[in-house]
Amino acid sequence: MELYTPVLVLALIAAAFAVGSVVMSAFVGPSRYNRARLDSYECGIEPTPQPVGGGRFPVKYYITAMLFIVFDIEIIFLYPWAVQFDALKFFGLVEMVIFIATVFVAYAYVWRRGGLEWD
């Protein structure tokens, strides 16, 4: 248990600092509320009204998110493979070629759907 004591102490200090900062800002910070302060702010422009159920996101948003996830997962799998490349020999090479081919299919799909074009 004594090995975990420094980690627990650090976690307690971090939690106390976070809670203390929020509580102190409520007491110390100015509490002057006016209409401009309570209004939403969108990069200096007037906010546009939103539908009641929320707006619809364009499909390109989801395609870009899918592309990020696919290539993020690819990098996660490439690091351990690169570390153990000598031990895996030809089998590891074949497996990685198959894996990269499947990732390339996802890339080709996104490219064909226009997910890489920014309008």
PDB file of N, CA and C in Angstrom:
ATOM      1  N   MET A   1       0.819  -1.194   0.000  1.00  0.00           N
ATOM      2  CA  MET A   1       0.000   0.000   0.000  1.00  0.00           C
ATOM      3  C   MET A   1       0.865   1.262   0.000  1.00  0.00           C
ATOM      4  N   GLU A   2       2.045   1.194   0.576  1.00  0.00           N
ATOM      5  CA  GLU A   2       2.880   2.385   0.665  1.00  0.00           C
ATOM      6  C   GLU A   2       3.393   2.831  -0.703  1.00  0.00           C
ATOM      7  N   LEU A   3       3.358   1.938  -1.711  1.00  0.00           N
ATOM      8  CA  LEU A   3       3.739   2.349  -3.060  1.00  0.00           C
ATOM      9  C   LEU A   3       2.697   3.282  -3.677  1.00  0.00           C
ATOM     10  N   TYR A   4       1.440   3.119  -3.304  1.00  0.00           N
ATOM     11  CA  TYR A   4       0.359   3.927  -3.861  1.00  0.00           C
ATOM     12  C   TYR A   4       0.132   5.220  -3.092  1.00  0.00           C
ATOM     13  N   THR A   5       0.764   5.396  -1.955  1.00  0.00           N
ATOM     14  CA  THR A   5       0.546   6.579  -1.125  1.00  0.00           C
ATOM     15  C   THR A   5       0.881   7.883  -1.862  1.00  0.00           C
ATOM     16  N   PRO A   6       2.023   8.000  -2.548  1.00  0.00           N
ATOM     17  CA  PRO A   6       2.299   9.260  -3.266  1.00  0.00           C
ATOM     18  C   PRO A   6       1.269   9.553  -4.357  1.00  0.00           C
ATOM     19  N   VAL A   7       0.790   8.520  -5.043  1.00  0.00           N
ATOM     20  CA  VAL A   7      -0.201   8.725  -6.095  1.00  0.00           C
ATOM     21  C   VAL A   7      -1.514   9.202  -5.492  1.00  0.00           C
ATOM     22  N   LEU A   8      -1.925   8.598  -4.381  1.00  0.00           N
ATOM     23  CA  LEU A   8      -3.157   9.013  -3.723  1.00  0.00           C
ATOM     24  C   LEU A   8      -3.055  10.431  -3.179  1.00  0.00           C
ATOM     25  N   VAL A   9      -1.890  10.778  -2.606  1.00  0.00           N
ATOM     26  CA  VAL A   9      -1.696  12.135  -2.090  1.00  0.00           C
ATOM     27  C   VAL A   9      -1.774  13.139  -3.240  1.00  0.00           C
ATOM     28  N   LEU A  10      -1.144  12.836  -4.368  1.00  0.00           N
ATOM     29  CA  LEU A  10      -1.184  13.722  -5.521  1.00  0.00           C
ATOM     30  C   LEU A  10      -2.615  13.862  -6.052  1.00  0.00           C
ATOM     31  N   ALA A  11      -3.368  12.763  -6.085  1.00  0.00           N
ATOM     32  CA  ALA A  11      -4.761  12.822  -6.533  1.00  0.00           C
ATOM     33  C   ALA A  11      -5.606  13.661  -5.588  1.00  0.00           C
ATOM     34  N   LEU A  12      -5.374  13.539  -4.297  1.00  0.00           N
ATOM     35  CA  LEU A  12      -6.110  14.349  -3.327  1.00  0.00           C
ATOM     36  C   LEU A  12      -5.769  15.837  -3.459  1.00  0.00           C
ATOM     37  N   ILE A  13      -4.509  16.143  -3.679  1.00  0.00           N
ATOM     38  CA  ILE A  13      -4.108  17.542  -3.859  1.00  0.00           C
ATOM     39  C   ILE A  13      -4.745  18.111  -5.128  1.00  0.00           C
ATOM     40  N   ALA A  14      -4.749  17.338  -6.206  1.00  0.00           N
ATOM     41  CA  ALA A  14      -5.352  17.797  -7.461  1.00  0.00           C
ATOM     42  C   ALA A  14      -6.846  18.015  -7.304  1.00  0.00           C
ATOM     43  N   ALA A  15      -7.534  17.085  -6.642  1.00  0.00           N
ATOM     44  CA  ALA A  15      -8.974  17.230  -6.425  1.00  0.00           C
ATOM     45  C   ALA A  15      -9.271  18.425  -5.535  1.00  0.00           C
ATOM     46  N   ALA A  16      -8.480  18.624  -4.488  1.00  0.00           N
ATOM     47  CA  ALA A  16      -8.687  19.769  -3.598  1.00  0.00           C
ATOM     48  C   ALA A  16      -8.454  21.077  -4.344  1.00  0.00           C
ATOM     49  N   PHE A  17      -7.459  21.108  -5.206  1.00  0.00           N
ATOM     50  CA  PHE A  17      -7.204  22.318  -5.985  1.00  0.00           C
ATOM     51  C   PHE A  17      -8.353  22.613  -6.945  1.00  0.00           C
ATOM     52  N   ALA A  18      -8.870  21.586  -7.610  1.00  0.00           N
ATOM     53  CA  ALA A  18      -9.977  21.781  -8.556  1.00  0.00           C
ATOM     54  C   ALA A  18     -11.230  22.268  -7.845  1.00  0.00           C
ATOM     55  N   VAL A  19     -11.603  21.604  -6.767  1.00  0.00           N
ATOM     56  CA  VAL A  19     -12.798  22.003  -6.023  1.00  0.00           C
ATOM     57  C   VAL A  19     -12.588  23.378  -5.384  1.00  0.00           C
ATOM     58  N   GLY A  20     -11.428  23.615  -4.829  1.00  0.00           N
ATOM     59  CA  GLY A  20     -11.137  24.904  -4.206  1.00  0.00           C
ATOM     60  C   GLY A  20     -11.173  26.049  -5.205  1.00  0.00           C
ATOM     61  N   SER A  21     -10.696  25.823  -6.420  1.00  0.00           N
ATOM     62  CA  SER A  21     -10.724  26.875  -7.442  1.00  0.00           C
ATOM     63  C   SER A  21     -12.152  27.240  -7.821  1.00  0.00           C
ATOM     64  N   VAL A  22     -13.004  26.245  -7.971  1.00  0.00           N
ATOM     65  CA  VAL A  22     -14.399  26.513  -8.330  1.00  0.00           C
ATOM     66  C   VAL A  22     -15.112  27.241  -7.197  1.00  0.00           C
ATOM     67  N   VAL A  23     -14.886  26.800  -5.961  1.00  0.00           N
ATOM     68  CA  VAL A  23     -15.549  27.438  -4.816  1.00  0.00           C
ATOM     69  C   VAL A  23     -15.034  28.866  -4.634  1.00  0.00           C
ATOM     70  N   MET A  24     -13.733  29.087  -4.749  1.00  0.00           N
ATOM     71  CA  MET A  24     -13.178  30.424  -4.560  1.00  0.00           C
ATOM     72  C   MET A  24     -13.633  31.385  -5.661  1.00  0.00           C
ATOM     73  N   SER A  25     -13.798  30.900  -6.882  1.00  0.00           N
ATOM     74  CA  SER A  25     -14.249  31.787  -7.948  1.00  0.00           C
ATOM     75  C   SER A  25     -15.664  32.273  -7.691  1.00  0.00           C
ATOM     76  N   ALA A  26     -16.486  31.451  -7.047  1.00  0.00           N
ATOM     77  CA  ALA A  26     -17.848  31.882  -6.720  1.00  0.00           C
ATOM     78  C   ALA A  26     -17.829  32.982  -5.671  1.00  0.00           C
ATOM     79  N   PHE A  27     -16.886  32.938  -4.737  1.00  0.00           N
ATOM     80  CA  PHE A  27     -16.823  33.942  -3.681  1.00  0.00           C
ATOM     81  C   PHE A  27     -16.061  35.196  -4.103  1.00  0.00           C
ATOM     82  N   VAL A  28     -14.962  35.034  -4.797  1.00  0.00           N
ATOM     83  CA  VAL A  28     -14.080  36.145  -5.102  1.00  0.00           C
ATOM     84  C   VAL A  28     -14.477  36.864  -6.395  1.00  0.00           C
ATOM     85  N   GLY A  29     -14.989  36.134  -7.365  1.00  0.00           N
ATOM     86  CA  GLY A  29     -15.293  36.711  -8.671  1.00  0.00           C
ATOM     87  C   GLY A  29     -16.419  37.720  -8.634  1.00  0.00           C
ATOM     88  N   PRO A  30     -16.443  38.639  -9.623  1.00  0.00           N
ATOM     89  CA  PRO A  30     -17.512  39.635  -9.674  1.00  0.00           C
ATOM     90  C   PRO A  30     -18.847  38.971 -10.000  1.00  0.00           C
ATOM     91  N   SER A  31     -19.902  39.501  -9.436  1.00  0.00           N
ATOM     92  CA  SER A  31     -21.221  38.906  -9.659  1.00  0.00           C
ATOM     93  C   SER A  31     -22.164  39.919 -10.292  1.00  0.00           C
ATOM     94  N   ARG A  32     -21.639  40.738 -11.200  1.00  0.00           N
ATOM     95  CA  ARG A  32     -22.477  41.700 -11.922  1.00  0.00           C
ATOM     96  C   ARG A  32     -23.012  41.025 -13.166  1.00  0.00           C
ATOM     97  N   TYR A  33     -24.279  40.815 -13.220  1.00  0.00           N
ATOM     98  CA  TYR A  33     -24.885  40.167 -14.378  1.00  0.00           C
ATOM     99  C   TYR A  33     -25.641  41.210 -15.180  1.00  0.00           C
ATOM    100  N   ASN A  34     -25.438  41.204 -16.472  1.00  0.00           N
ATOM    101  CA  ASN A  34     -26.198  42.064 -17.366  1.00  0.00           C
ATOM    102  C   ASN A  34     -26.598  41.260 -18.599  1.00  0.00           C
ATOM    103  N   ARG A  35     -27.353  41.864 -19.475  1.00  0.00           N
ATOM    104  CA  ARG A  35     -27.883  41.126 -20.623  1.00  0.00           C
ATOM    105  C   ARG A  35     -26.766  40.651 -21.557  1.00  0.00           C
ATOM    106  N   ALA A  36     -25.761  41.467 -21.773  1.00  0.00           N
ATOM    107  CA  ALA A  36     -24.672  41.099 -22.676  1.00  0.00           C
ATOM    108  C   ALA A  36     -23.866  39.925 -22.124  1.00  0.00           C
ATOM    109  N   ARG A  37     -23.713  39.867 -20.830  1.00  0.00           N
ATOM    110  CA  ARG A  37     -22.935  38.783 -20.234  1.00  0.00           C
ATOM    111  C   ARG A  37     -23.695  37.457 -20.274  1.00  0.00           C
ATOM    112  N   LEU A  38     -25.002  37.501 -20.139  1.00  0.00           N
ATOM    113  CA  LEU A  38     -25.805  36.280 -20.155  1.00  0.00           C
ATOM    114  C   LEU A  38     -26.115  35.795 -21.563  1.00  0.00           C
ATOM    115  N   ASP A  39     -25.859  36.625 -22.569  1.00  0.00           N
ATOM    116  CA  ASP A  39     -26.134  36.241 -23.944  1.00  0.00           C
ATOM    117  C   ASP A  39     -25.057  35.283 -24.444  1.00  0.00           C
ATOM    118  N   SER A  40     -25.425  34.395 -25.357  1.00  0.00           N
ATOM    119  CA  SER A  40     -24.433  33.455 -25.895  1.00  0.00           C
ATOM    120  C   SER A  40     -23.470  34.191 -26.823  1.00  0.00           C
ATOM    121  N   TYR A  41     -22.257  33.689 -26.895  1.00  0.00           N
ATOM    122  CA  TYR A  41     -21.199  34.338 -27.661  1.00  0.00           C
ATOM    123  C   TYR A  41     -20.633  33.346 -28.659  1.00  0.00           C
ATOM    124  N   GLU A  42     -20.634  33.736 -29.937  1.00  0.00           N
ATOM    125  CA  GLU A  42     -20.117  32.859 -30.981  1.00  0.00           C
ATOM    126  C   GLU A  42     -19.080  33.608 -31.805  1.00  0.00           C
ATOM    127  N   CYS A  43     -17.888  33.704 -31.319  1.00  0.00           N
ATOM    128  CA  CYS A  43     -16.747  34.269 -32.039  1.00  0.00           C
ATOM    129  C   CYS A  43     -17.000  35.688 -32.535  1.00  0.00           C
ATOM    130  N   GLY A  44     -17.723  36.468 -31.815  1.00  0.00           N
ATOM    131  CA  GLY A  44     -17.915  37.854 -32.177  1.00  0.00           C
ATOM    132  C   GLY A  44     -19.046  38.131 -33.147  1.00  0.00           C
ATOM    133  N   ILE A  45     -19.751  37.111 -33.598  1.00  0.00           N
ATOM    134  CA  ILE A  45     -20.867  37.330 -34.501  1.00  0.00           C
ATOM    135  C   ILE A  45     -22.168  37.062 -33.763  1.00  0.00           C
ATOM    136  N   GLU A  46     -23.236  37.569 -34.310  1.00  0.00           N
ATOM    137  CA  GLU A  46     -24.535  37.341 -33.691  1.00  0.00           C
ATOM    138  C   GLU A  46     -24.906  35.870 -33.810  1.00  0.00           C
ATOM    139  N   PRO A  47     -25.347  35.246 -32.720  1.00  0.00           N
ATOM    140  CA  PRO A  47     -25.710  33.824 -32.798  1.00  0.00           C
ATOM    141  C   PRO A  47     -26.952  33.620 -33.658  1.00  0.00           C
ATOM    142  N   THR A  48     -26.945  32.540 -34.403  1.00  0.00           N
ATOM    143  CA  THR A  48     -28.098  32.218 -35.241  1.00  0.00           C
ATOM    144  C   THR A  48     -29.065  31.363 -34.445  1.00  0.00           C
ATOM    145  N   PRO A  49     -30.358  31.548 -34.659  1.00  0.00           N
ATOM    146  CA  PRO A  49     -31.316  30.731 -33.903  1.00  0.00           C
ATOM    147  C   PRO A  49     -31.230  29.262 -34.311  1.00  0.00           C
ATOM    148  N   GLN A  50     -31.357  28.379 -33.344  1.00  0.00           N
ATOM    149  CA  GLN A  50     -31.283  26.938 -33.576  1.00  0.00           C
ATOM    150  C   GLN A  50     -32.671  26.337 -33.469  1.00  0.00           C
ATOM    151  N   PRO A  51     -32.925  25.260 -34.213  1.00  0.00           N
ATOM    152  CA  PRO A  51     -34.211  24.591 -34.066  1.00  0.00           C
ATOM    153  C   PRO A  51     -34.369  24.001 -32.666  1.00  0.00           C
ATOM    154  N   VAL A  52     -35.613  23.718 -32.291  1.00  0.00           N
ATOM    155  CA  VAL A  52     -35.903  23.239 -30.938  1.00  0.00           C
ATOM    156  C   VAL A  52     -35.195  21.919 -30.649  1.00  0.00           C
ATOM    157  N   GLY A  53     -35.205  20.996 -31.577  1.00  0.00           N
ATOM    158  CA  GLY A  53     -34.585  19.694 -31.355  1.00  0.00           C
ATOM    159  C   GLY A  53     -33.098  19.678 -31.624  1.00  0.00           C
ATOM    160  N   GLY A  54     -32.502  20.825 -31.903  1.00  0.00           N
ATOM    161  CA  GLY A  54     -31.090  20.862 -32.253  1.00  0.00           C
ATOM    162  C   GLY A  54     -30.927  20.771 -33.762  1.00  0.00           C
ATOM    163  N   GLY A  55     -29.816  21.250 -34.253  1.00  0.00           N
ATOM    164  CA  GLY A  55     -29.576  21.234 -35.690  1.00  0.00           C
ATOM    165  C   GLY A  55     -29.020  19.905 -36.162  1.00  0.00           C
ATOM    166  N   ARG A  56     -29.115  19.690 -37.448  1.00  0.00           N
ATOM    167  CA  ARG A  56     -28.556  18.475 -38.047  1.00  0.00           C
ATOM    168  C   ARG A  56     -27.127  18.742 -38.473  1.00  0.00           C
ATOM    169  N   PHE A  57     -26.260  17.787 -38.209  1.00  0.00           N
ATOM    170  CA  PHE A  57     -24.878  17.896 -38.650  1.00  0.00           C
ATOM    171  C   PHE A  57     -24.774  17.349 -40.067  1.00  0.00           C
ATOM    172  N   PRO A  58     -23.939  17.962 -40.896  1.00  0.00           N
ATOM    173  CA  PRO A  58     -23.766  17.416 -42.243  1.00  0.00           C
ATOM    174  C   PRO A  58     -23.049  16.066 -42.202  1.00  0.00           C
ATOM    175  N   VAL A  59     -23.268  15.279 -43.235  1.00  0.00           N
ATOM    176  CA  VAL A  59     -22.682  13.935 -43.310  1.00  0.00           C
ATOM    177  C   VAL A  59     -21.162  14.016 -43.344  1.00  0.00           C
ATOM    178  N   LYS A  60     -20.608  15.072 -43.932  1.00  0.00           N
ATOM    179  CA  LYS A  60     -19.144  15.208 -44.011  1.00  0.00           C
ATOM    180  C   LYS A  60     -18.515  15.264 -42.616  1.00  0.00           C
ATOM    181  N   TYR A  61     -19.248  15.778 -41.650  1.00  0.00           N
ATOM    182  CA  TYR A  61     -18.743  15.807 -40.278  1.00  0.00           C
ATOM    183  C   TYR A  61     -18.508  14.379 -39.777  1.00  0.00           C
ATOM    184  N   TYR A  62     -19.462  13.502 -40.012  1.00  0.00           N
ATOM    185  CA  TYR A  62     -19.330  12.121 -39.552  1.00  0.00           C
ATOM    186  C   TYR A  62     -18.284  11.362 -40.357  1.00  0.00           C
ATOM    187  N   ILE A  63     -18.166  11.650 -41.635  1.00  0.00           N
ATOM    188  CA  ILE A  63     -17.145  10.983 -42.455  1.00  0.00           C
ATOM    189  C   ILE A  63     -15.753  11.390 -41.990  1.00  0.00           C
ATOM    190  N   THR A  64     -15.577  12.671 -41.664  1.00  0.00           N
ATOM    191  CA  THR A  64     -14.285  13.121 -41.148  1.00  0.00           C
ATOM    192  C   THR A  64     -13.978  12.474 -39.808  1.00  0.00           C
ATOM    193  N   ALA A  65     -14.983  12.354 -38.953  1.00  0.00           N
ATOM    194  CA  ALA A  65     -14.780  11.692 -37.659  1.00  0.00           C
ATOM    195  C   ALA A  65     -14.420  10.217 -37.862  1.00  0.00           C
ATOM    196  N   MET A  66     -15.095   9.559 -38.804  1.00  0.00           N
ATOM    197  CA  MET A  66     -14.781   8.155 -39.097  1.00  0.00           C
ATOM    198  C   MET A  66     -13.348   8.011 -39.593  1.00  0.00           C
ATOM    199  N   LEU A  67     -12.935   8.925 -40.464  1.00  0.00           N
ATOM    200  CA  LEU A  67     -11.572   8.884 -40.998  1.00  0.00           C
ATOM    201  C   LEU A  67     -10.544   9.058 -39.884  1.00  0.00           C
ATOM    202  N   PHE A  68     -10.796   9.979 -38.971  1.00  0.00           N
ATOM    203  CA  PHE A  68      -9.884  10.182 -37.849  1.00  0.00           C
ATOM    204  C   PHE A  68      -9.782   8.915 -37.008  1.00  0.00           C
ATOM    205  N   ILE A  69     -10.915   8.301 -36.699  1.00  0.00           N
ATOM    206  CA  ILE A  69     -10.905   7.100 -35.858  1.00  0.00           C
ATOM    207  C   ILE A  69     -10.173   5.955 -36.551  1.00  0.00           C
ATOM    208  N   VAL A  70     -10.408   5.787 -37.846  1.00  0.00           N
ATOM    209  CA  VAL A  70      -9.753   4.692 -38.581  1.00  0.00           C
ATOM    210  C   VAL A  70      -8.239   4.863 -38.552  1.00  0.00           C
ATOM    211  N   PHE A  71      -7.743   6.054 -38.837  1.00  0.00           N
ATOM    212  CA  PHE A  71      -6.298   6.245 -38.882  1.00  0.00           C
ATOM    213  C   PHE A  71      -5.686   6.310 -37.487  1.00  0.00           C
ATOM    214  N   ASP A  72      -6.449   6.727 -36.510  1.00  0.00           N
ATOM    215  CA  ASP A  72      -5.967   6.692 -35.134  1.00  0.00           C
ATOM    216  C   ASP A  72      -5.770   5.252 -34.673  1.00  0.00           C
ATOM    217  N   ILE A  73      -6.718   4.405 -34.984  1.00  0.00           N
ATOM    218  CA  ILE A  73      -6.602   2.988 -34.620  1.00  0.00           C
ATOM    219  C   ILE A  73      -5.461   2.330 -35.393  1.00  0.00           C
ATOM    220  N   GLU A  74      -5.264   2.751 -36.642  1.00  0.00           N
ATOM    221  CA  GLU A  74      -4.155   2.190 -37.417  1.00  0.00           C
ATOM    222  C   GLU A  74      -2.819   2.496 -36.753  1.00  0.00           C
ATOM    223  N   ILE A  75      -2.638   3.714 -36.306  1.00  0.00           N
ATOM    224  CA  ILE A  75      -1.380   4.084 -35.654  1.00  0.00           C
ATOM    225  C   ILE A  75      -1.205   3.311 -34.353  1.00  0.00           C
ATOM    226  N   ILE A  76      -2.294   3.110 -33.617  1.00  0.00           N
ATOM    227  CA  ILE A  76      -2.201   2.354 -32.364  1.00  0.00           C
ATOM    228  C   ILE A  76      -1.714   0.935 -32.619  1.00  0.00           C
ATOM    229  N   PHE A  77      -2.142   0.324 -33.722  1.00  0.00           N
ATOM    230  CA  PHE A  77      -1.705  -1.035 -34.027  1.00  0.00           C
ATOM    231  C   PHE A  77      -0.332  -1.082 -34.692  1.00  0.00           C
ATOM    232  N   LEU A  78       0.100   0.007 -35.314  1.00  0.00           N
ATOM    233  CA  LEU A  78       1.405  -0.003 -35.974  1.00  0.00           C
ATOM    234  C   LEU A  78       2.567   0.103 -34.984  1.00  0.00           C
ATOM    235  N   TYR A  79       2.389   0.776 -33.868  1.00  0.00           N
ATOM    236  CA  TYR A  79       3.485   0.913 -32.906  1.00  0.00           C
ATOM    237  C   TYR A  79       3.953  -0.429 -32.341  1.00  0.00           C
ATOM    238  N   PRO A  80       3.077  -1.267 -31.790  1.00  0.00           N
ATOM    239  CA  PRO A  80       3.584  -2.552 -31.277  1.00  0.00           C
ATOM    240  C   PRO A  80       4.145  -3.441 -32.384  1.00  0.00           C
ATOM    241  N   TRP A  81       3.570  -3.358 -33.569  1.00  0.00           N
ATOM    242  CA  TRP A  81       4.074  -4.151 -34.690  1.00  0.00           C
ATOM    243  C   TRP A  81       5.494  -3.717 -35.041  1.00  0.00           C
ATOM    244  N   ALA A  82       5.748  -2.404 -35.044  1.00  0.00           N
ATOM    245  CA  ALA A  82       7.080  -1.913 -35.373  1.00  0.00           C
ATOM    246  C   ALA A  82       8.103  -2.327 -34.321  1.00  0.00           C
ATOM    247  N   VAL A  83       7.683  -2.396 -33.065  1.00  0.00           N
ATOM    248  CA  VAL A  83       8.602  -2.796 -31.997  1.00  0.00           C
ATOM    249  C   VAL A  83       8.966  -4.271 -32.130  1.00  0.00           C
ATOM    250  N   GLN A  84       8.006  -5.100 -32.481  1.00  0.00           N
ATOM    251  CA  GLN A  84       8.238  -6.550 -32.567  1.00  0.00           C
ATOM    252  C   GLN A  84       8.462  -7.034 -33.994  1.00  0.00           C
ATOM    253  N   PHE A  85       8.851  -6.151 -34.897  1.00  0.00           N
ATOM    254  CA  PHE A  85       8.978  -6.528 -36.310  1.00  0.00           C
ATOM    255  C   PHE A  85       9.990  -7.642 -36.527  1.00  0.00           C
ATOM    256  N   ASP A  86      11.133  -7.594 -35.856  1.00  0.00           N
ATOM    257  CA  ASP A  86      12.161  -8.627 -36.037  1.00  0.00           C
ATOM    258  C   ASP A  86      11.686  -9.994 -35.556  1.00  0.00           C
ATOM    259  N   ALA A  87      10.923 -10.037 -34.497  1.00  0.00           N
ATOM    260  CA  ALA A  87      10.462 -11.313 -33.950  1.00  0.00           C
ATOM    261  C   ALA A  87       9.330 -11.920 -34.787  1.00  0.00           C
ATOM    262  N   LEU A  88       8.552 -11.086 -35.451  1.00  0.00           N
ATOM    263  CA  LEU A  88       7.401 -11.584 -36.214  1.00  0.00           C
ATOM    264  C   LEU A  88       7.786 -12.130 -37.582  1.00  0.00           C
ATOM    265  N   LYS A  89       8.872 -11.673 -38.118  1.00  0.00           N
ATOM    266  CA  LYS A  89       9.407 -12.132 -39.405  1.00  0.00           C
ATOM    267  C   LYS A  89       8.397 -11.943 -40.533  1.00  0.00           C
ATOM    268  N   PHE A  90       8.287 -12.922 -41.420  1.00  0.00           N
ATOM    269  CA  PHE A  90       7.437 -12.810 -42.615  1.00  0.00           C
ATOM    270  C   PHE A  90       5.955 -12.814 -42.253  1.00  0.00           C
ATOM    271  N   PHE A  91       5.576 -13.561 -41.231  1.00  0.00           N
ATOM    272  CA  PHE A  91       4.177 -13.606 -40.805  1.00  0.00           C
ATOM    273  C   PHE A  91       3.681 -12.212 -40.404  1.00  0.00           C
ATOM    274  N   GLY A  92       4.503 -11.490 -39.657  1.00  0.00           N
ATOM    275  CA  GLY A  92       4.135 -10.133 -39.238  1.00  0.00           C
ATOM    276  C   GLY A  92       4.003  -9.186 -40.418  1.00  0.00           C
ATOM    277  N   LEU A  93       4.865  -9.356 -41.409  1.00  0.00           N
ATOM    278  CA  LEU A  93       4.788  -8.518 -42.599  1.00  0.00           C
ATOM    279  C   LEU A  93       3.497  -8.759 -43.363  1.00  0.00           C
ATOM    280  N   VAL A  94       3.140 -10.035 -43.536  1.00  0.00           N
ATOM    281  CA  VAL A  94       1.906 -10.369 -44.258  1.00  0.00           C
ATOM    282  C   VAL A  94       0.686  -9.850 -43.504  1.00  0.00           C
ATOM    283  N   GLU A  95       0.668 -10.041 -42.214  1.00  0.00           N
ATOM    284  CA  GLU A  95      -0.469  -9.552 -41.417  1.00  0.00           C
ATOM    285  C   GLU A  95      -0.610  -8.034 -41.514  1.00  0.00           C
ATOM    286  N   MET A  96       0.498  -7.316 -41.491  1.00  0.00           N
ATOM    287  CA  MET A  96       0.413  -5.861 -41.557  1.00  0.00           C
ATOM    288  C   MET A  96       0.019  -5.395 -42.952  1.00  0.00           C
ATOM    289  N   VAL A  97       0.438  -6.086 -43.977  1.00  0.00           N
ATOM    290  CA  VAL A  97       0.005  -5.735 -45.336  1.00  0.00           C
ATOM    291  C   VAL A  97      -1.509  -5.916 -45.460  1.00  0.00           C
ATOM    292  N   ILE A  98      -2.049  -6.983 -44.897  1.00  0.00           N
ATOM    293  CA  ILE A  98      -3.503  -7.200 -44.911  1.00  0.00           C
ATOM    294  C   ILE A  98      -4.211  -6.101 -44.123  1.00  0.00           C
ATOM    295  N   PHE A  99      -3.675  -5.759 -42.977  1.00  0.00           N
ATOM    296  CA  PHE A  99      -4.286  -4.718 -42.148  1.00  0.00           C
ATOM    297  C   PHE A  99      -4.269  -3.364 -42.864  1.00  0.00           C
ATOM    298  N   ILE A 100      -3.137  -2.998 -43.451  1.00  0.00           N
ATOM    299  CA  ILE A 100      -3.048  -1.713 -44.142  1.00  0.00           C
ATOM    300  C   ILE A 100      -3.939  -1.704 -45.380  1.00  0.00           C
ATOM    301  N   ALA A 101      -4.117  -2.853 -46.023  1.00  0.00           N
ATOM    302  CA  ALA A 101      -5.032  -2.930 -47.174  1.00  0.00           C
ATOM    303  C   ALA A 101      -6.470  -2.656 -46.742  1.00  0.00           C
ATOM    304  N   THR A 102      -6.878  -3.201 -45.601  1.00  0.00           N
ATOM    305  CA  THR A 102      -8.239  -2.920 -45.134  1.00  0.00           C
ATOM    306  C   THR A 102      -8.397  -1.454 -44.738  1.00  0.00           C
ATOM    307  N   VAL A 103      -7.363  -0.856 -44.187  1.00  0.00           N
ATOM    308  CA  VAL A 103      -7.425   0.567 -43.851  1.00  0.00           C
ATOM    309  C   VAL A 103      -7.471   1.404 -45.132  1.00  0.00           C
ATOM    310  N   PHE A 104      -6.762   0.971 -46.146  1.00  0.00           N
ATOM    311  CA  PHE A 104      -6.791   1.678 -47.421  1.00  0.00           C
ATOM    312  C   PHE A 104      -8.180   1.631 -48.051  1.00  0.00           C
ATOM    313  N   VAL A 105      -8.912   0.547 -47.847  1.00  0.00           N
ATOM    314  CA  VAL A 105     -10.294   0.465 -48.354  1.00  0.00           C
ATOM    315  C   VAL A 105     -11.149   1.545 -47.687  1.00  0.00           C
ATOM    316  N   ALA A 106     -10.984   1.744 -46.390  1.00  0.00           N
ATOM    317  CA  ALA A 106     -11.717   2.802 -45.691  1.00  0.00           C
ATOM    318  C   ALA A 106     -11.302   4.174 -46.205  1.00  0.00           C
ATOM    319  N   TYR A 107     -10.027   4.364 -46.459  1.00  0.00           N
ATOM    320  CA  TYR A 107      -9.536   5.635 -46.996  1.00  0.00           C
ATOM    321  C   TYR A 107     -10.115   5.896 -48.384  1.00  0.00           C
ATOM    322  N   ALA A 108     -10.141   4.875 -49.230  1.00  0.00           N
ATOM    323  CA  ALA A 108     -10.705   5.028 -50.575  1.00  0.00           C
ATOM    324  C   ALA A 108     -12.196   5.358 -50.506  1.00  0.00           C
ATOM    325  N   TYR A 109     -12.910   4.759 -49.566  1.00  0.00           N
ATOM    326  CA  TYR A 109     -14.329   5.039 -49.395  1.00  0.00           C
ATOM    327  C   TYR A 109     -14.558   6.501 -49.026  1.00  0.00           C
ATOM    328  N   VAL A 110     -13.777   6.995 -48.074  1.00  0.00           N
ATOM    329  CA  VAL A 110     -13.931   8.384 -47.652  1.00  0.00           C
ATOM    330  C   VAL A 110     -13.548   9.327 -48.784  1.00  0.00           C
ATOM    331  N   TRP A 111     -12.512   8.995 -49.514  1.00  0.00           N
ATOM    332  CA  TRP A 111     -12.078   9.820 -50.634  1.00  0.00           C
ATOM    333  C   TRP A 111     -13.167   9.874 -51.706  1.00  0.00           C
ATOM    334  N   ARG A 112     -13.743   8.731 -52.000  1.00  0.00           N
ATOM    335  CA  ARG A 112     -14.791   8.659 -53.025  1.00  0.00           C
ATOM    336  C   ARG A 112     -16.044   9.417 -52.592  1.00  0.00           C
ATOM    337  N   ARG A 113     -16.367   9.395 -51.310  1.00  0.00           N
ATOM    338  CA  ARG A 113     -17.551  10.091 -50.807  1.00  0.00           C
ATOM    339  C   ARG A 113     -17.332  11.600 -50.675  1.00  0.00           C
ATOM    340  N   GLY A 114     -16.095  12.073 -50.882  1.00  0.00           N
ATOM    341  CA  GLY A 114     -15.807  13.502 -50.805  1.00  0.00           C
ATOM    342  C   GLY A 114     -15.515  14.000 -49.413  1.00  0.00           C
ATOM    343  N   GLY A 115     -15.137  13.109 -48.524  1.00  0.00           N
ATOM    344  CA  GLY A 115     -14.855  13.496 -47.144  1.00  0.00           C
ATOM    345  C   GLY A 115     -13.566  14.286 -46.992  1.00  0.00           C
ATOM    346  N   LEU A 116     -12.704  14.282 -47.992  1.00  0.00           N
ATOM    347  CA  LEU A 116     -11.433  14.993 -47.905  1.00  0.00           C
ATOM    348  C   LEU A 116     -11.495  16.366 -48.546  1.00  0.00           C
ATOM    349  N   GLU A 117     -12.634  16.733 -49.123  1.00  0.00           N
ATOM    350  CA  GLU A 117     -12.802  18.037 -49.761  1.00  0.00           C
ATOM    351  C   GLU A 117     -13.420  19.013 -48.775  1.00  0.00           C
ATOM    352  N   TRP A 118     -12.791  20.168 -48.651  1.00  0.00           N
ATOM    353  CA  TRP A 118     -13.298  21.199 -47.743  1.00  0.00           C
ATOM    354  C   TRP A 118     -13.876  22.330 -48.565  1.00  0.00           C
ATOM    355  N   ASP A 119     -15.161  22.568 -48.399  1.00  0.00           N
ATOM    356  CA  ASP A 119     -15.841  23.625 -49.164  1.00  0.00           C
ATOM    357  C   ASP A 119     -15.920  24.888 -48.378  1.00  0.00           C
TER     358      ASP A 119
END
